[in-house]
N, C-alpha and C. Protein backbone atom coordinates (compact mmCIF):
# COMPACT_ATOMS: atom_id res chain seq x y z
N MET A 1 -11.24 9.22 -3.24
CA MET A 1 -10.07 8.57 -3.76
C MET A 1 -9.63 7.48 -2.78
N GLY A 2 -9.42 6.28 -3.30
CA GLY A 2 -8.99 5.17 -2.47
C GLY A 2 -7.47 5.06 -2.39
N HIS A 3 -7.03 4.37 -1.37
CA HIS A 3 -5.61 4.05 -1.21
C HIS A 3 -5.50 2.55 -1.01
N TYR A 4 -4.44 1.98 -1.57
CA TYR A 4 -4.32 0.54 -1.60
C TYR A 4 -2.90 0.09 -1.26
N ILE A 5 -2.81 -1.04 -0.61
CA ILE A 5 -1.54 -1.71 -0.44
C ILE A 5 -1.38 -2.55 -1.69
N VAL A 6 -0.24 -2.40 -2.37
CA VAL A 6 -0.07 -3.02 -3.69
C VAL A 6 1.28 -3.72 -3.82
N ARG A 7 1.35 -4.60 -4.81
CA ARG A 7 2.60 -5.15 -5.31
C ARG A 7 2.85 -4.48 -6.65
N ILE A 8 4.05 -3.97 -6.83
CA ILE A 8 4.42 -3.31 -8.07
C ILE A 8 5.50 -4.15 -8.74
N HIS A 9 5.29 -4.50 -10.00
CA HIS A 9 6.26 -5.26 -10.77
C HIS A 9 6.86 -4.38 -11.86
N ALA A 10 8.17 -4.54 -12.04
CA ALA A 10 8.89 -3.80 -13.07
C ALA A 10 9.86 -4.76 -13.76
N SER A 11 10.28 -4.39 -14.96
CA SER A 11 11.15 -5.27 -15.74
C SER A 11 12.63 -5.08 -15.42
N THR A 12 12.99 -3.98 -14.74
CA THR A 12 14.40 -3.76 -14.37
C THR A 12 14.49 -3.23 -12.94
N TRP A 13 15.66 -3.42 -12.37
CA TRP A 13 15.90 -2.92 -11.02
C TRP A 13 15.85 -1.39 -11.00
N ASP A 14 16.36 -0.76 -12.06
CA ASP A 14 16.35 0.70 -12.15
C ASP A 14 14.93 1.26 -12.13
N LEU A 15 14.01 0.61 -12.85
CA LEU A 15 12.62 1.06 -12.84
C LEU A 15 12.01 0.95 -11.45
N LEU A 16 12.40 -0.09 -10.73
CA LEU A 16 11.90 -0.26 -9.37
C LEU A 16 12.44 0.87 -8.47
N ARG A 17 13.72 1.16 -8.59
CA ARG A 17 14.33 2.24 -7.78
C ARG A 17 13.71 3.60 -8.11
N ASP A 18 13.34 3.79 -9.37
CA ASP A 18 12.75 5.06 -9.80
C ASP A 18 11.43 5.36 -9.09
N LEU A 19 10.75 4.33 -8.61
CA LEU A 19 9.46 4.55 -7.95
C LEU A 19 9.59 5.52 -6.79
N GLN A 20 10.63 5.37 -6.01
CA GLN A 20 10.82 6.27 -4.87
C GLN A 20 11.65 7.49 -5.24
N ARG A 21 12.67 7.27 -6.05
CA ARG A 21 13.59 8.35 -6.39
C ARG A 21 12.96 9.40 -7.29
N LEU A 22 12.29 8.97 -8.36
CA LEU A 22 11.73 9.92 -9.33
C LEU A 22 10.26 10.24 -9.09
N HIS A 23 9.51 9.24 -8.68
CA HIS A 23 8.07 9.41 -8.53
C HIS A 23 7.65 9.73 -7.09
N ASP A 24 8.60 9.64 -6.15
CA ASP A 24 8.35 9.96 -4.74
C ASP A 24 7.12 9.23 -4.19
N LEU A 25 7.06 7.93 -4.46
CA LEU A 25 5.93 7.12 -3.99
C LEU A 25 6.24 6.48 -2.65
N ASP A 26 5.21 6.10 -1.95
CA ASP A 26 5.34 5.45 -0.66
C ASP A 26 5.51 3.95 -0.90
N VAL A 27 6.77 3.54 -1.13
CA VAL A 27 7.07 2.13 -1.33
C VAL A 27 7.84 1.60 -0.13
N PHE A 28 7.70 0.31 0.11
CA PHE A 28 8.32 -0.33 1.27
C PHE A 28 9.62 -0.98 0.82
N SER A 29 10.72 -0.24 0.96
CA SER A 29 12.00 -0.65 0.38
C SER A 29 12.46 -2.04 0.82
N LYS A 30 12.12 -2.44 2.02
CA LYS A 30 12.55 -3.76 2.51
C LYS A 30 11.86 -4.91 1.79
N THR A 31 10.80 -4.62 1.02
CA THR A 31 10.10 -5.68 0.29
C THR A 31 10.62 -5.85 -1.12
N ALA A 32 11.55 -5.01 -1.55
CA ALA A 32 12.07 -5.08 -2.93
C ALA A 32 12.83 -6.38 -3.13
N LYS A 33 12.52 -7.04 -4.26
CA LYS A 33 13.23 -8.29 -4.56
C LYS A 33 13.18 -8.57 -6.05
N GLN A 34 14.12 -9.40 -6.47
CA GLN A 34 14.18 -9.85 -7.85
C GLN A 34 13.52 -11.22 -7.92
N LEU A 35 12.49 -11.35 -8.78
CA LEU A 35 11.76 -12.61 -8.90
C LEU A 35 12.38 -13.51 -9.96
N ASP A 36 12.88 -12.93 -11.03
CA ASP A 36 13.63 -13.65 -12.06
C ASP A 36 14.47 -12.64 -12.82
N ASP A 37 15.06 -13.05 -13.95
CA ASP A 37 15.97 -12.15 -14.67
C ASP A 37 15.35 -10.83 -15.10
N TYR A 38 14.04 -10.84 -15.40
CA TYR A 38 13.39 -9.64 -15.92
C TYR A 38 12.13 -9.27 -15.15
N LEU A 39 12.10 -9.61 -13.87
CA LEU A 39 10.93 -9.27 -13.07
C LEU A 39 11.35 -8.91 -11.64
N PHE A 40 11.00 -7.70 -11.25
CA PHE A 40 11.35 -7.17 -9.94
C PHE A 40 10.07 -6.72 -9.26
N GLU A 41 10.06 -6.79 -7.93
CA GLU A 41 8.82 -6.51 -7.19
C GLU A 41 9.11 -5.69 -5.94
N ILE A 42 8.15 -4.83 -5.61
CA ILE A 42 8.19 -4.08 -4.36
C ILE A 42 6.75 -3.82 -3.94
N HIS A 43 6.53 -3.71 -2.65
CA HIS A 43 5.20 -3.39 -2.13
C HIS A 43 5.15 -1.90 -1.82
N GLY A 44 3.94 -1.35 -1.82
CA GLY A 44 3.80 0.07 -1.53
C GLY A 44 2.37 0.44 -1.20
N LEU A 45 2.18 1.70 -0.93
CA LEU A 45 0.87 2.27 -0.63
C LEU A 45 0.60 3.33 -1.69
N LEU A 46 -0.43 3.08 -2.54
CA LEU A 46 -0.69 3.97 -3.66
C LEU A 46 -2.15 4.39 -3.72
N SER A 47 -2.37 5.56 -4.28
CA SER A 47 -3.73 6.06 -4.53
C SER A 47 -4.21 5.56 -5.89
N ASP A 48 -5.50 5.74 -6.15
CA ASP A 48 -6.06 5.39 -7.46
C ASP A 48 -5.28 6.07 -8.59
N GLU A 49 -5.02 7.34 -8.42
CA GLU A 49 -4.33 8.13 -9.44
C GLU A 49 -2.91 7.62 -9.68
N GLN A 50 -2.20 7.29 -8.60
CA GLN A 50 -0.84 6.78 -8.74
C GLN A 50 -0.83 5.43 -9.45
N ILE A 51 -1.81 4.58 -9.14
CA ILE A 51 -1.91 3.28 -9.80
C ILE A 51 -2.13 3.48 -11.30
N GLU A 52 -3.02 4.38 -11.64
CA GLU A 52 -3.30 4.66 -13.05
C GLU A 52 -2.06 5.18 -13.77
N ASN A 53 -1.36 6.13 -13.16
CA ASN A 53 -0.16 6.71 -13.77
C ASN A 53 0.93 5.68 -13.97
N LEU A 54 1.17 4.85 -12.97
CA LEU A 54 2.21 3.82 -13.09
C LEU A 54 1.85 2.77 -14.13
N SER A 55 0.59 2.41 -14.20
CA SER A 55 0.14 1.44 -15.19
C SER A 55 0.40 1.95 -16.61
N LYS A 56 0.17 3.25 -16.81
CA LYS A 56 0.43 3.86 -18.12
C LYS A 56 1.92 3.85 -18.46
N LYS A 57 2.77 3.84 -17.44
CA LYS A 57 4.22 3.84 -17.66
C LYS A 57 4.79 2.43 -17.79
N GLY A 58 3.92 1.42 -17.75
CA GLY A 58 4.36 0.05 -17.97
C GLY A 58 4.57 -0.79 -16.74
N TYR A 59 4.35 -0.22 -15.57
CA TYR A 59 4.44 -1.01 -14.34
C TYR A 59 3.20 -1.89 -14.21
N GLN A 60 3.38 -3.07 -13.67
CA GLN A 60 2.24 -3.94 -13.39
C GLN A 60 1.90 -3.78 -11.91
N ILE A 61 0.65 -3.48 -11.62
CA ILE A 61 0.20 -3.23 -10.24
C ILE A 61 -0.81 -4.30 -9.85
N GLU A 62 -0.57 -4.91 -8.70
CA GLU A 62 -1.51 -5.89 -8.14
C GLU A 62 -2.00 -5.34 -6.80
N ILE A 63 -3.29 -5.13 -6.67
CA ILE A 63 -3.84 -4.62 -5.42
C ILE A 63 -3.95 -5.76 -4.42
N ILE A 64 -3.36 -5.56 -3.26
CA ILE A 64 -3.39 -6.56 -2.19
C ILE A 64 -4.55 -6.27 -1.25
N ALA A 65 -4.73 -4.99 -0.88
CA ALA A 65 -5.79 -4.63 0.07
C ALA A 65 -6.15 -3.17 -0.06
N ASN A 66 -7.41 -2.86 0.24
CA ASN A 66 -7.91 -1.50 0.31
C ASN A 66 -7.65 -1.03 1.74
N THR A 67 -6.96 0.09 1.91
CA THR A 67 -6.60 0.53 3.25
C THR A 67 -7.81 0.88 4.10
N ALA A 68 -8.89 1.34 3.49
CA ALA A 68 -10.11 1.65 4.25
C ALA A 68 -10.69 0.37 4.85
N GLU A 69 -10.66 -0.72 4.10
CA GLU A 69 -11.17 -2.00 4.60
C GLU A 69 -10.28 -2.56 5.70
N VAL A 70 -8.97 -2.42 5.53
CA VAL A 70 -8.03 -2.89 6.54
C VAL A 70 -8.26 -2.14 7.85
N ALA A 71 -8.43 -0.82 7.76
CA ALA A 71 -8.67 -0.02 8.96
C ALA A 71 -9.98 -0.41 9.64
N LYS A 72 -11.01 -0.66 8.85
CA LYS A 72 -12.31 -1.05 9.39
C LYS A 72 -12.19 -2.38 10.14
N GLU A 73 -11.49 -3.33 9.57
CA GLU A 73 -11.32 -4.64 10.20
C GLU A 73 -10.51 -4.53 11.49
N ARG A 74 -9.50 -3.69 11.48
CA ARG A 74 -8.68 -3.52 12.69
C ARG A 74 -9.46 -2.87 13.82
N ARG A 75 -10.35 -1.93 13.47
CA ARG A 75 -11.16 -1.28 14.50
C ARG A 75 -12.10 -2.27 15.18
N LYS A 76 -12.55 -3.28 14.45
CA LYS A 76 -13.44 -4.28 15.03
C LYS A 76 -12.77 -5.02 16.18
N GLY A 77 -11.47 -5.19 16.09
CA GLY A 77 -10.74 -5.93 17.11
C GLY A 77 -10.27 -5.11 18.28
N VAL A 78 -10.58 -3.81 18.32
CA VAL A 78 -10.13 -2.94 19.41
C VAL A 78 -11.35 -2.52 20.23
N PRO A 79 -11.54 -3.12 21.41
CA PRO A 79 -12.72 -2.78 22.23
C PRO A 79 -12.75 -1.30 22.59
N GLY A 80 -13.92 -0.70 22.45
CA GLY A 80 -14.12 0.68 22.86
C GLY A 80 -13.55 1.72 21.92
N LEU A 81 -13.02 1.31 20.78
CA LEU A 81 -12.40 2.26 19.87
C LEU A 81 -13.38 3.29 19.35
N SER A 82 -14.62 2.88 19.12
CA SER A 82 -15.59 3.82 18.56
C SER A 82 -16.28 4.68 19.63
N LEU A 83 -15.98 4.43 20.87
CA LEU A 83 -16.59 5.21 21.95
C LEU A 83 -15.73 6.42 22.28
N SER A 84 -16.38 7.50 22.68
CA SER A 84 -15.61 8.64 23.15
C SER A 84 -15.20 8.36 24.59
N PRO A 85 -14.16 9.02 25.11
CA PRO A 85 -13.65 8.72 26.45
C PRO A 85 -14.71 8.79 27.55
N GLY A 86 -15.68 9.68 27.43
CA GLY A 86 -16.72 9.81 28.46
C GLY A 86 -17.80 8.76 28.37
N ASP A 87 -17.85 7.99 27.30
CA ASP A 87 -18.91 7.01 27.08
C ASP A 87 -18.53 5.59 27.47
N ARG A 88 -17.38 5.37 28.04
CA ARG A 88 -16.94 4.01 28.33
C ARG A 88 -17.76 3.42 29.46
N SER A 89 -18.43 2.33 29.18
CA SER A 89 -19.29 1.69 30.17
C SER A 89 -18.50 0.80 31.12
N ASP A 90 -17.22 0.52 30.83
CA ASP A 90 -16.43 -0.36 31.69
C ASP A 90 -15.71 0.39 32.80
N ARG A 91 -15.89 1.71 32.88
CA ARG A 91 -15.25 2.51 33.95
C ARG A 91 -16.02 2.35 35.25
N LYS A 92 -15.29 2.37 36.34
CA LYS A 92 -15.92 2.25 37.67
C LYS A 92 -15.80 3.52 38.47
């Protein structure tokens, strides 16, 4: 099962609030905003199953990034991350 950083769109502010209150989803409350009179947006971290369930309820979901890919890219930038503590060749 994958996890994704997503943008969630809803037609009312109440539907957006329900994401955390009723559905107990991992949404980033500081990203909530009104885009126009009938479009509201928030970012969050959702699983495949959660995306499917919300889509069935009328929410529009836009996948921004796959968390596994983000983690892989971040590990590339951290020297020695894949080495165990005893394997570090830079120790003197």
